[in-house]
Amino acid sequence: MSENSNSNYIEKDEFNLNNEDSDYKDLITRLNEIKSTISLLEKTMFK
C-alpha cells in the first residue's frame, strides 16, 4: 500500500511540473504578444 501511495505522489508531482511548464510557456507567449503590441503602438505614435 505504501508503494502505491508513493507512486501517486510522484504522478502528482510530475503532473504539477507539466502544468508549471505549460503555464510558463503560456506566459512567455503572452509576454511576446504584449511586446509586439507595444512595439506597434510605439511605431504608430512616433510616425
Protein backbone atom coordinates (compact mmCIF):
# COMPACT_ATOMS: atom_id res chain seq x y z
CA MET A 1 0.00 0.00 0.00
CA SER A 2 2.85 2.36 0.76
CA GLU A 3 4.31 1.83 -2.71
CA ASN A 4 1.01 2.71 -4.33
CA SER A 5 0.78 5.88 -2.28
CA ASN A 6 4.33 6.90 -3.23
CA SER A 7 3.52 6.28 -6.88
CA ASN A 8 0.51 8.58 -6.64
CA TYR A 9 2.63 11.34 -5.15
CA ILE A 10 5.19 11.01 -7.92
CA GLU A 11 2.50 11.17 -10.57
CA LYS A 12 1.01 14.27 -8.94
CA ASP A 13 4.44 15.93 -8.80
CA GLU A 14 5.05 15.16 -12.47
CA PHE A 15 1.62 16.49 -13.36
CA ASN A 16 2.27 19.69 -11.41
CA LEU A 17 5.62 20.16 -13.13
CA ASN A 18 3.98 19.70 -16.52
CA ASN A 19 1.36 22.27 -15.59
CA GLU A 20 4.04 24.69 -14.43
CA ASP A 21 5.94 24.21 -17.69
CA SER A 22 2.78 24.83 -19.64
CA ASP A 23 1.95 27.91 -17.58
CA TYR A 24 5.47 29.23 -18.09
CA LYS A 25 5.29 28.72 -21.85
CA ASP A 26 1.88 30.40 -21.98
CA LEU A 27 3.25 33.33 -20.01
CA ILE A 28 6.23 33.71 -22.35
CA THR A 29 3.93 33.59 -25.36
CA ARG A 30 1.64 36.22 -23.86
CA LEU A 31 4.56 38.47 -22.96
CA ASN A 32 5.86 38.24 -26.52
CA GLU A 33 2.42 39.24 -27.81
CA ILE A 34 2.37 42.21 -25.45
CA LYS A 35 5.86 43.20 -26.59
CA SER A 36 4.75 43.13 -30.22
CA THR A 37 1.67 45.21 -29.45
CA ILE A 38 3.74 47.81 -27.60
CA SER A 39 6.19 47.96 -30.48
CA LEU A 40 3.37 48.56 -32.97
CA LEU A 41 1.88 51.26 -30.76
CA GLU A 42 5.24 52.99 -30.49
CA LYS A 43 5.64 52.96 -34.27
CA THR A 44 2.16 54.40 -34.68
CA MET A 45 2.71 57.13 -32.09
CA PHE A 46 6.05 58.29 -33.42
CA LYS A 47 5.13 58.50 -37.11
